Protein backbone atom coordinates (compact mmCIF):
# COMPACT_ATOMS: atom_id res chain seq x y z
CA MET A 1 126.34 51.96 40.91
CA PRO A 2 127.24 55.65 40.61
CA GLU A 3 127.99 56.85 37.10
CA TYR A 4 131.62 57.53 36.10
CA LEU A 5 132.09 58.65 32.50
CA ALA A 6 135.17 60.86 32.21
CA PRO A 7 138.58 60.07 33.72
CA GLY A 8 139.28 61.97 36.90
CA VAL A 9 139.17 62.02 40.68
CA TYR A 10 135.71 61.76 42.24
CA ILE A 11 134.84 62.76 45.79
CA GLU A 12 131.92 60.98 47.42
CA GLU A 13 130.29 61.37 50.83
CA LEU A 14 128.99 58.19 52.42
CA THR A 15 126.43 57.89 55.18
CA THR A 16 127.58 55.41 57.82
CA GLY A 17 125.72 54.04 60.78
CA PRO A 18 121.97 54.11 61.42
CA ARG A 19 120.08 57.29 60.68
CA PRO A 20 118.89 58.96 63.90
CA ILE A 21 115.21 59.36 64.72
CA GLU A 22 114.38 62.49 66.68
CA GLY A 23 111.43 62.48 69.07
CA VAL A 24 108.60 64.85 68.14
CA GLY A 25 107.21 67.42 70.53
CA THR A 26 104.31 66.36 72.73
CA SER A 27 103.33 69.54 74.58
CA THR A 28 102.48 71.92 71.72
CA THR A 29 98.79 72.76 72.07
CA ALA A 30 96.10 74.32 69.88
CA MET A 31 93.04 76.17 71.21
CA LEU A 32 90.20 77.76 69.31
CA GLY A 33 87.65 80.39 70.28
CA GLU A 34 86.63 84.02 70.08
CA THR A 35 89.07 86.74 71.04
CA GLU A 36 88.96 90.51 71.29
CA ARG A 37 90.98 90.91 68.09
CA GLY A 38 93.83 89.41 66.12
CA PRO A 39 94.62 87.17 63.14
CA GLU A 40 92.30 84.32 62.22
CA THR A 41 94.86 81.86 60.92
CA PRO A 42 96.63 79.59 63.46
CA TRP A 43 99.04 81.81 65.36
CA LEU A 44 101.76 80.64 67.72
CA VAL A 45 102.06 82.40 71.08
CA THR A 46 104.52 81.45 73.80
CA GLY A 47 103.20 83.41 76.76
CA TRP A 48 100.20 85.24 78.19
CA LEU A 49 101.68 88.68 77.43
CA GLN A 50 102.29 87.70 73.82
CA PHE A 51 98.69 86.52 73.56
CA GLN A 52 97.53 89.90 74.85
CA ARG A 53 99.65 91.76 72.32
CA TRP A 54 98.13 89.84 69.42
CA PHE A 55 94.62 88.95 70.59
CA GLY A 56 93.78 91.35 73.41
CA SER A 57 92.66 90.35 76.88
CA TYR A 58 89.43 89.10 78.43
CA LEU A 59 86.16 89.78 76.61
CA LEU A 60 83.91 92.22 78.43
CA ASP A 61 80.77 90.20 77.66
CA GLN A 62 82.47 86.85 78.51
CA ARG A 63 81.13 85.30 75.31
CA SER A 64 84.23 83.10 75.14
CA TRP A 65 86.23 81.16 77.72
CA LEU A 66 89.32 81.17 75.49
CA PRO A 67 91.28 84.02 77.18
CA TYR A 68 90.83 82.41 80.60
CA ALA A 69 91.87 79.04 79.16
CA VAL A 70 94.97 80.57 77.58
CA GLN A 71 96.08 82.17 80.83
CA GLY A 72 95.39 78.92 82.67
CA PHE A 73 97.46 77.04 80.11
CA PHE A 74 100.53 79.21 80.57
CA ASP A 75 100.13 79.49 84.36
CA ASN A 76 100.07 75.71 84.60
CA GLY A 77 103.32 75.26 82.70
CA GLY A 78 102.40 75.25 79.01
CA ARG A 79 104.89 76.89 76.67
CA ARG A 80 103.73 76.66 73.04
CA LEU A 81 100.17 77.41 72.01
CA PHE A 82 98.55 77.86 68.60
CA ILE A 83 95.51 80.14 68.70
CA GLY A 84 92.69 79.72 66.21
CA ARG A 85 90.57 82.89 66.39
CA ILE A 86 86.94 82.32 65.41
CA VAL A 87 84.67 85.02 63.98
CA GLY A 88 81.08 84.84 62.78
CA GLU A 89 79.88 84.64 59.20
CA GLY A 90 79.69 88.01 57.48
CA ALA A 91 82.41 89.64 59.58
CA VAL A 92 84.31 92.48 57.89
CA ALA A 93 87.79 93.89 58.56
CA THR A 94 88.17 97.63 59.08
CA SER A 95 90.17 99.28 56.30
CA ARG A 96 91.27 102.61 54.85
CA VAL A 97 93.11 103.73 51.73
CA VAL A 98 95.84 106.36 51.96
CA GLY A 99 96.77 107.34 48.43
CA ASN A 100 97.07 103.86 46.94
CA LEU A 101 98.26 102.26 50.19
CA ASN A 102 95.68 99.92 51.67
CA VAL A 103 95.63 99.71 55.46
CA ARG A 104 93.54 96.92 56.98
CA ALA A 105 93.06 95.62 60.49
CA VAL A 106 94.64 92.26 61.28
CA GLY A 107 91.61 90.01 61.31
CA ARG A 108 87.96 90.84 60.91
CA GLY A 109 85.63 92.33 63.47
CA VAL A 110 84.29 95.58 64.87
CA TRP A 111 87.38 95.92 67.04
CA GLY A 112 89.18 97.54 64.08
CA ASN A 113 86.83 100.49 64.30
CA ASN A 114 88.72 101.54 67.44
CA ILE A 115 92.06 101.96 65.65
CA TYR A 116 93.27 105.52 65.07
CA ILE A 117 95.86 106.26 62.39
CA ARG A 118 98.11 109.23 61.66
CA VAL A 119 100.53 109.73 58.75
CA ARG A 120 103.23 112.37 59.11
CA PRO A 121 106.66 113.14 57.67
CA ALA A 122 109.49 110.98 58.97
CA SER A 123 111.23 112.25 62.09
CA ASN A 124 114.54 112.62 60.23
CA ARG A 125 113.03 114.10 57.06
CA THR A 126 114.36 117.30 55.49
CA ASP A 127 113.03 119.15 52.50
CA THR A 128 116.03 118.25 50.36
CA LYS A 129 116.76 114.73 51.63
CA ASN A 130 114.30 111.84 51.61
CA PRO A 131 111.25 114.01 50.83
CA ASP A 132 108.98 110.98 50.50
CA TRP A 133 109.91 109.39 53.82
CA PHE A 134 107.02 109.17 56.28
CA ARG A 135 105.89 107.61 59.55
CA ILE A 136 102.68 105.87 60.58
CA THR A 137 101.34 105.99 64.12
CA LEU A 138 98.56 103.67 65.28
CA LEU A 139 96.51 103.80 68.48
CA TYR A 140 94.13 101.06 69.58
CA TYR A 141 91.44 101.39 72.24
CA LYS A 142 89.51 98.47 73.62
CA GLN A 143 86.69 100.98 74.23
CA ARG A 144 86.60 104.02 71.98
CA PRO A 145 87.32 107.31 73.81
CA PRO A 146 84.74 110.15 73.79
CA GLU A 147 84.60 112.81 71.09
CA PRO A 148 86.29 115.10 70.39
CA PHE A 149 89.36 112.88 70.24
CA VAL A 150 92.36 114.21 72.13
CA ASP A 151 95.87 113.22 71.05
CA PRO A 152 97.25 111.20 74.01
CA LEU A 153 100.84 111.44 72.69
CA ASP A 154 100.88 115.25 72.91
CA SER A 155 102.20 116.31 76.31
CA ALA A 156 100.18 119.51 76.04
CA ASN A 157 97.01 117.43 76.48
CA ALA A 158 98.12 115.78 79.72
CA SER A 159 95.45 117.55 81.79
CA ASP A 160 92.64 117.39 79.22
CA PRO A 161 89.63 115.56 80.75
CA ASN A 162 88.87 113.87 77.41
CA ARG A 163 92.35 112.42 77.10
CA ARG A 164 92.47 108.61 77.22
CA ASP A 165 95.56 106.41 77.20
CA PRO A 166 95.39 103.85 74.36
CA ASP A 167 95.65 100.14 75.06
CA THR A 168 98.23 99.73 72.28
CA VAL A 169 100.55 102.21 70.55
CA GLU A 170 102.53 101.38 67.41
CA GLN A 171 104.78 103.76 65.49
CA PHE A 172 106.76 103.04 62.35
CA ASP A 173 109.21 105.74 61.35
CA ASP A 174 111.41 106.43 58.31
CA LEU A 175 109.20 104.47 55.91
CA VAL A 176 109.42 104.56 52.12
CA HIS A 177 107.29 103.21 49.32
CA THR A 178 110.30 101.94 47.33
CA PRO A 179 110.06 98.18 46.68
CA GLY A 180 113.02 96.22 48.02
CA ALA A 181 114.18 98.92 50.41
CA SER A 182 115.06 97.81 53.92
CA ASN A 183 112.56 100.35 55.30
CA ASN A 184 109.84 99.59 52.78
CA VAL A 185 106.44 100.23 54.36
CA GLU A 186 105.00 96.83 53.43
CA GLY A 187 107.90 94.83 54.80
CA THR A 188 108.28 96.92 57.94
CA VAL A 189 104.65 97.19 59.02
CA ASN A 190 103.54 93.70 58.03
CA VAL A 191 106.34 92.12 60.03
CA ALA A 192 106.07 94.20 63.20
CA SER A 193 102.48 95.40 63.58
CA HIS A 194 99.99 93.60 65.80
CA LEU A 195 97.16 95.79 64.52
CA VAL A 196 97.24 96.28 60.74
CA ARG A 197 98.54 94.97 57.42
CA VAL A 198 99.37 97.24 54.48
CA TRP A 199 99.87 96.78 50.76
CA PHE A 200 99.80 98.90 47.62
CA GLU A 201 96.87 98.68 45.28
CA GLY A 202 98.74 98.95 42.01
CA PRO A 203 102.31 100.20 41.54
CA PRO A 204 103.90 101.56 44.75
CA ALA A 205 103.76 105.35 44.92
CA PRO A 206 104.65 108.02 47.48
CA VAL A 207 102.17 108.12 50.35
CA PRO A 208 100.42 111.51 50.58
CA ILE A 209 101.71 112.77 53.91
CA ASP A 210 99.22 115.61 54.20
CA ASP A 211 96.15 113.35 53.88
CA ILE A 212 96.10 112.35 57.58
CA PRO A 213 98.15 114.85 59.59
CA ASP A 214 96.10 114.22 62.75
CA PHE A 215 94.65 111.06 64.24
CA VAL A 216 91.53 109.75 62.52
CA LEU A 217 89.71 106.44 62.74
CA LEU A 218 91.08 103.72 60.51
CA GLY A 219 87.46 103.25 59.50
CA GLU A 220 84.02 102.32 60.71
CA ASN A 221 83.30 99.58 58.22
CA GLY A 222 84.40 96.72 60.49
CA ALA A 223 81.70 94.28 61.61
CA ASP A 224 81.54 91.17 63.77
CA GLY A 225 78.97 89.39 61.64
CA ALA A 226 76.63 86.74 62.98
CA ALA A 227 77.10 84.91 66.26
CA VAL A 228 79.71 82.19 65.91
CA SER A 229 78.43 78.73 65.10
CA VAL A 230 79.80 75.21 64.96
CA GLU A 231 80.40 75.74 61.23
CA ASP A 232 82.64 78.72 62.03
CA PHE A 233 84.70 76.52 64.35
CA ALA A 234 84.92 73.85 61.64
CA GLY A 235 86.44 76.49 59.34
CA ASP A 236 87.84 76.00 55.85
CA MET A 237 91.02 76.50 53.86
CA GLU A 238 89.81 79.33 51.61
CA PRO A 239 91.06 82.95 51.58
CA ILE A 240 89.06 85.29 53.78
CA ASP A 241 88.62 87.86 51.00
CA PRO A 242 88.83 86.24 47.54
CA THR A 243 88.59 89.69 45.86
CA SER A 244 92.17 90.47 46.90
CA ASP A 245 94.91 88.40 45.36
CA LEU A 246 97.21 89.38 48.26
CA THR A 247 94.83 88.20 50.98
CA SER A 248 96.36 84.75 51.31
CA GLU A 249 99.81 86.25 51.86
CA LEU A 250 98.67 88.98 54.25
CA PHE A 251 96.05 87.19 56.27
CA GLY A 252 96.95 83.57 55.70
CA ARG A 253 94.90 80.77 54.22
CA GLY A 254 92.50 78.79 56.32
CA ARG A 255 90.97 79.13 59.75
CA GLY A 256 89.17 77.08 62.35
CA LEU A 257 89.74 73.39 62.88
CA ALA A 258 90.48 72.94 59.18
CA ALA A 259 93.53 75.19 59.49
CA ILE A 260 94.63 73.64 62.81
CA GLU A 261 94.54 70.25 61.10
CA ALA A 262 97.34 71.42 58.81
CA VAL A 263 99.62 72.30 61.76
CA ASP A 264 101.63 69.12 62.20
CA GLU A 265 103.28 70.26 65.45
CA VAL A 266 100.01 70.21 67.41
CA ALA A 267 99.91 67.41 70.00
CA LEU A 268 97.05 68.59 72.26
CA LEU A 269 93.76 70.04 71.02
CA ALA A 270 91.14 71.90 73.06
CA VAL A 271 88.13 74.13 72.42
CA PRO A 272 87.00 75.65 75.75
CA ASP A 273 83.74 76.94 74.24
CA GLU A 274 82.57 73.47 73.21
CA VAL A 275 80.35 73.58 76.30
CA ARG A 276 78.26 76.39 74.75
CA PHE A 277 76.98 74.29 71.86
CA GLY A 278 74.59 71.37 71.55
CA PRO A 279 72.72 69.25 74.08
CA VAL A 280 73.96 68.34 77.52
CA ASP A 281 75.32 64.91 76.62
CA GLN A 282 76.90 65.55 73.23
CA SER A 283 78.20 68.79 71.74
CA PRO A 284 78.65 68.76 67.95
CA LEU A 285 81.79 70.82 68.44
CA THR A 286 83.21 68.18 70.77
CA THR A 287 82.53 65.61 68.06
CA LEU A 288 84.49 67.67 65.52
CA VAL A 289 87.45 67.96 67.89
CA ILE A 290 87.53 64.23 68.67
CA ASN A 291 87.04 63.29 65.01
CA GLN A 292 90.10 65.31 64.01
CA CYS A 293 92.24 63.56 66.62
CA GLU A 294 91.01 60.12 65.57
CA ARG A 295 91.51 60.89 61.88
CA LEU A 296 95.03 62.31 62.16
CA LYS A 297 96.19 60.03 65.01
CA ASP A 298 98.90 62.53 65.96
CA ARG A 299 97.10 64.61 68.61
CA PHE A 300 95.01 64.17 71.74
CA ALA A 301 91.84 66.05 72.70
CA VAL A 302 91.02 67.51 76.10
CA VAL A 303 87.27 67.99 76.64
CA SER A 304 85.22 68.96 79.66
CA THR A 305 81.74 68.58 81.08
CA LYS A 306 78.94 71.08 80.73
CA PRO A 307 78.37 73.37 83.74
CA ARG A 308 75.84 72.82 86.52
CA ARG A 309 75.89 69.03 86.63
CA PRO A 310 76.01 68.16 90.33
CA GLN A 311 74.51 64.65 89.91
CA VAL A 312 77.53 62.46 89.28
CA ASN A 313 75.33 59.67 87.95
CA ASP A 314 74.50 61.91 84.99
CA VAL A 315 78.12 62.63 84.11
CA ARG A 316 79.49 60.45 81.33
CA PRO A 317 82.11 60.95 78.59
CA PRO A 318 80.51 62.10 75.33
CA ALA A 319 82.16 59.40 73.21
CA ASP A 320 84.07 56.13 73.32
CA THR A 321 87.52 57.03 72.03
CA THR A 322 91.16 56.53 72.90
CA TYR A 323 92.14 59.95 71.53
CA ALA A 324 90.46 62.14 74.14
CA ALA A 325 90.08 62.56 77.90
CA PHE A 326 87.11 63.99 79.79
CA TYR A 327 87.42 66.23 82.88
CA TYR A 328 84.95 67.13 85.64
CA PRO A 329 83.94 69.44 87.32
CA TRP A 330 84.47 73.11 86.37
CA ILE A 331 86.97 75.07 88.40
CA GLU A 332 86.71 78.46 90.07
CA ILE A 333 89.33 81.13 89.39
CA TYR A 334 89.85 84.80 90.19
CA ASP A 335 88.47 87.05 87.44
CA PRO A 336 90.69 90.13 86.95
CA LEU A 337 87.82 91.94 85.21
CA THR A 338 85.16 91.70 87.91
CA LYS A 339 87.55 91.13 90.84
CA ARG A 340 85.33 88.23 91.83
CA PRO A 341 85.44 84.42 91.59
CA LEU A 342 84.52 83.01 88.17
CA ARG A 343 83.69 79.46 87.18
CA VAL A 344 85.32 78.28 83.95
CA PRO A 345 85.75 74.96 82.15
CA PRO A 346 89.03 73.31 83.18
CA THR A 347 90.17 72.70 79.60
CA GLY A 348 92.93 75.30 79.43
CA HIS A 349 94.30 74.56 82.89
CA ILE A 350 94.37 70.81 82.21
CA THR A 351 96.18 71.14 78.88
CA GLY A 352 98.76 73.32 80.63
CA LEU A 353 99.13 70.69 83.36
CA ILE A 354 99.60 67.95 80.73
CA ALA A 355 102.21 70.08 78.93
CA ARG A 356 103.97 70.71 82.23
CA THR A 357 104.12 66.99 82.96
CA ASP A 358 105.52 66.29 79.48
CA ILE A 359 108.20 68.94 79.86
CA GLU A 360 109.27 68.02 83.39
CA ARG A 361 108.83 64.22 83.35
CA GLY A 362 107.99 63.01 79.86
CA VAL A 363 104.95 61.92 77.90
CA HIS A 364 105.02 58.51 79.61
CA LYS A 365 104.17 60.05 82.99
CA ALA A 366 100.44 60.01 83.71
CA PRO A 367 99.22 63.64 83.89
CA ALA A 368 97.59 63.28 87.30
CA ASN A 369 98.25 63.90 90.99
CA GLU A 370 99.37 67.39 89.99
CA VAL A 371 98.19 70.71 91.41
CA VAL A 372 95.84 72.70 89.17
CA ARG A 373 97.40 76.14 89.45
CA ASP A 374 95.12 79.20 89.66
CA ALA A 375 92.13 77.09 90.76
CA THR A 376 90.67 78.64 93.91
CA ASN A 377 87.71 76.27 94.24
CA LEU A 378 85.59 73.69 92.43
CA GLU A 379 82.10 74.05 91.05
CA PHE A 380 81.13 70.94 93.04
CA PRO A 381 83.16 69.20 95.76
CA LEU A 382 83.87 65.57 94.93
CA THR A 383 84.38 62.81 97.48
CA LYS A 384 86.05 59.45 97.04
CA GLU A 385 82.64 57.80 96.95
CA MET A 386 81.57 60.06 94.08
CA GLN A 387 84.71 59.24 92.16
CA ASP A 388 83.96 55.55 92.67
CA PHE A 389 81.11 56.12 90.18
CA LEU A 390 83.05 58.35 87.79
CA ASN A 391 86.49 56.76 87.48
CA PRO A 392 85.35 53.47 85.87
CA ARG A 393 83.41 55.53 83.30
CA GLY A 394 86.52 57.34 82.16
CA VAL A 395 85.73 60.63 83.92
CA ASN A 396 88.87 62.31 85.25
CA CYS A 397 88.01 64.14 88.44
CA ILE A 398 89.48 67.29 89.87
CA ARG A 399 89.54 66.91 93.65
CA ASP A 400 89.99 69.32 96.54
CA PHE A 401 92.71 68.11 98.89
CA ARG A 402 93.22 71.40 100.70
CA PRO A 403 92.13 69.89 104.05
CA ASP A 404 95.24 67.68 103.69
CA ASN A 405 97.38 70.67 102.63
CA ARG A 406 97.75 69.23 99.12
CA GLY A 407 95.76 71.81 97.17
CA ILE A 408 93.34 71.23 94.29
CA ARG A 409 94.64 68.35 92.18
CA LEU A 410 93.82 66.46 89.02
CA TRP A 411 92.97 62.98 90.28
CA GLY A 412 92.46 60.88 87.16
CA ALA A 413 94.37 59.86 84.02
CA ARG A 414 91.96 57.81 81.92
CA THR A 415 90.93 58.14 78.31
CA MET A 416 87.30 57.94 77.23
CA SER A 417 87.83 54.44 75.81
CA SER A 418 86.14 51.25 76.96
CA ASP A 419 89.10 49.23 75.64
CA PRO A 420 91.23 48.25 78.65
CA GLN A 421 94.40 48.29 76.53
CA TRP A 422 93.96 52.02 75.98
CA LYS A 423 92.63 52.90 79.41
CA TYR A 424 95.29 55.44 80.35
CA VAL A 425 96.07 58.84 78.86
CA ASN A 426 99.83 58.40 79.07
CA VAL A 427 99.72 55.05 77.22
CA ARG A 428 97.81 56.49 74.28
CA ARG A 429 99.96 59.62 74.13
CA LEU A 430 103.16 57.57 74.39
CA PHE A 431 102.09 55.56 71.34
CA ILE A 432 101.25 58.80 69.49
CA PHE A 433 104.73 60.11 70.33
CA ILE A 434 106.54 56.95 69.20
CA GLU A 435 104.45 56.46 66.05
CA GLU A 436 104.80 60.08 64.95
CA SER A 437 108.54 60.14 65.69
CA ILE A 438 109.19 56.97 63.69
CA GLU A 439 106.99 58.15 60.82
CA GLU A 440 108.83 61.47 60.50
CA GLY A 441 112.25 59.95 61.13
CA THR A 442 112.01 57.28 58.43
CA GLN A 443 110.85 59.34 55.46
CA TRP A 444 114.25 58.73 53.88
CA VAL A 445 113.27 55.06 53.38
CA VAL A 446 110.70 55.83 50.67
CA PHE A 447 111.88 54.71 47.19
CA GLU A 448 115.07 53.10 48.54
CA PRO A 449 115.91 49.59 47.20
CA ASN A 450 113.63 47.26 49.18
CA ASP A 451 116.04 44.51 50.21
CA GLU A 452 118.00 43.18 53.19
CA PRO A 453 120.44 46.10 53.61
CA LEU A 454 117.54 48.54 53.82
CA TRP A 455 115.66 46.35 56.29
CA ALA A 456 118.75 46.21 58.51
CA GLN A 457 119.08 49.99 58.43
CA VAL A 458 115.42 50.40 59.39
CA ARG A 459 115.78 47.95 62.29
CA ARG A 460 118.88 49.71 63.62
CA ALA A 461 117.37 53.19 63.33
CA ILE A 462 114.15 52.26 65.12
CA SER A 463 115.93 50.14 67.75
CA ASN A 464 118.31 52.98 68.61
CA PHE A 465 115.37 55.34 69.04
CA LEU A 466 113.46 52.89 71.24
CA VAL A 467 116.54 52.34 73.40
CA ARG A 468 116.50 56.05 74.22
CA VAL A 469 112.79 55.86 74.98
CA TRP A 470 113.33 52.83 77.22
CA LYS A 471 116.21 54.47 79.10
CA SER A 472 114.01 57.51 79.76
CA GLY A 473 111.69 55.26 81.77
CA ALA A 474 108.84 55.17 79.25
CA LEU A 475 108.99 51.39 78.63
CA MET A 476 108.79 48.47 81.03
CA GLY A 477 111.44 45.80 81.32
CA LEU A 478 114.89 45.32 82.80
CA THR A 479 116.36 44.57 79.37
CA GLN A 480 115.80 45.84 75.85
CA GLU A 481 114.29 42.51 74.89
CA GLU A 482 111.63 42.92 77.58
CA ALA A 483 110.92 46.54 76.62
CA PHE A 484 110.48 46.28 72.85
CA PHE A 485 111.14 44.35 69.67
CA VAL A 486 111.64 45.44 66.05
CA LYS A 487 111.24 42.99 63.16
CA CYS A 488 111.76 43.86 59.51
CA ASP A 489 112.74 40.87 57.40
CA ARG A 490 111.30 38.04 55.31
CA THR A 491 109.03 37.06 58.19
CA THR A 492 107.19 40.42 58.18
CA MET A 493 106.56 40.71 54.44
CA THR A 494 105.76 38.36 51.62
CA GLN A 495 107.09 38.39 48.09
CA ASP A 496 103.79 39.97 47.08
CA ASP A 497 104.47 42.82 49.52
CA ILE A 498 107.93 43.33 48.02
CA ASP A 499 106.63 43.18 44.45
CA ASN A 500 104.07 45.85 45.31
CA GLY A 501 106.60 48.16 46.93
CA ARG A 502 105.63 47.55 50.53
CA LEU A 503 108.14 47.48 53.37
CA VAL A 504 106.50 46.03 56.49
CA CYS A 505 108.03 46.45 59.92
CA TYR A 506 106.60 45.01 63.14
CA ILE A 507 107.25 46.96 66.33
CA GLY A 508 106.17 45.95 69.81
CA ILE A 509 106.61 48.08 72.91
CA ALA A 510 105.75 47.57 76.58
CA PRO A 511 104.50 50.92 77.89
CA VAL A 512 104.59 51.74 81.58
CA LYS A 513 101.19 51.96 83.25
CA PRO A 514 100.44 54.38 86.09
CA ALA A 515 100.15 53.10 89.64
CA GLU A 516 96.49 54.05 89.85
CA PHE A 517 95.71 51.93 92.89
CA VAL A 518 98.44 51.83 95.51
CA ILE A 519 97.80 49.02 98.01
CA PHE A 520 99.78 48.41 101.18
CA ARG A 521 98.87 45.20 102.97
CA PHE A 522 99.54 45.06 106.71
CA SER A 523 99.45 42.21 109.18
CA GLN A 524 100.57 41.64 112.72
CA LYS A 525 103.93 39.97 112.99
CA THR A 526 104.09 37.37 115.73
CA ALA A 527 106.79 34.97 116.75
CA GLU A 528 104.91 32.08 115.17
CA ALA A 529 104.10 33.81 111.89
CA PRO A 530 106.77 33.59 109.16
CA ALA A 531 107.81 36.86 107.50
């Protein structure tokens, strides 16, 4: 009972009715790979243009398929994407010190050597008012312009043959060094800049305005390090630069798959560059991706075949798992860099298609018989007879139905599992959705008195949630009793369970299965034959 000690009037708020369970998101995706630039910790982007602002565009040497996968994801209907930028061991971030203000590129790599910086008095500065106010201007070039450098922001240089327009321009005006000020340089730049992070080494002090009156390179100490490896994709949760006690705050803690593992919102996981590592049949990077999904049980992996595998008899899923799906063959897209067709793994386009299906129809709808947007052709044409070999193996085929005016479509929705109960992608992902939603929506139960009133509350909360799922069309059955059951009483737990603090609830659901084989049987109707 509540405690009442002194006489008086006490106001209490009571919770009535079952506590609601909210469904978790199912279309939030994470992708990892090399990018032109950008932060290395998991970073949420919600569109292709936002990705370009943070991470740049396509890589000139095409050492990573990630940018093409990201564009394919958004073009196919995806909306929320966490990017895990991967850099090689030994990479260094470009940096410069202005007075005691440290300026460092966002993320490591040689790309930071193409940042130009200028520090000048604030636009509204006067000699008697705000003498320490200043402004910082940053220019970034994907390819460094020729020397001598010509200021592209000066209209007097408009006709100079050495003038080059920067890829990105950032300007921060009316800045001060004063801690706590609304226009403090650390708070302003670190929130808004896509290029650099700044912090004071020691007590904040006025920035020497005359040190950099004209554009100069941020530095030339940035380096890409060694070629990326599987270990770099695996990542860790340590600070990038342990010598700086502000690194964790400025650059984040953790990168690679280790950091993505900590992002609970992720429901789909893909690494387009998995095809670049390991033997033909089994990539160690693919194994890491699948292992994370199986360990966490709250996300689903999308993996693809290696390129140049025209013999369908040689194409098999790399593992036996219910937490991943395998797609074949590669697709052909238009490359904006070369203005020519380019073959890419379908990973990004498929995850976008799955996200689109979740958003428009729901996670219970099989992500198949949908057009793969942006695909102009396939690496290999597949016939029905070829898919007769691949479909029973758990290989989801991308088929060309343009002769029937139906475009290029995903024509398979199977997991990589040999267990017939978990044959379909939508069944596994529906269970992930329901399990994760109930887990997050019942955290209030922990440490409550473990007796009949609590069990009744748990039953009502879960039943109400499953009713909504059933009414959305995700469960089979004409009645609730046919669609699901929830048991939490003396039949589901023993006295030993209760004595050891365990509350056991049994839940059964009847998921809808996709109509994979649609059969129409015809016969001739005669006067003698009954209907």
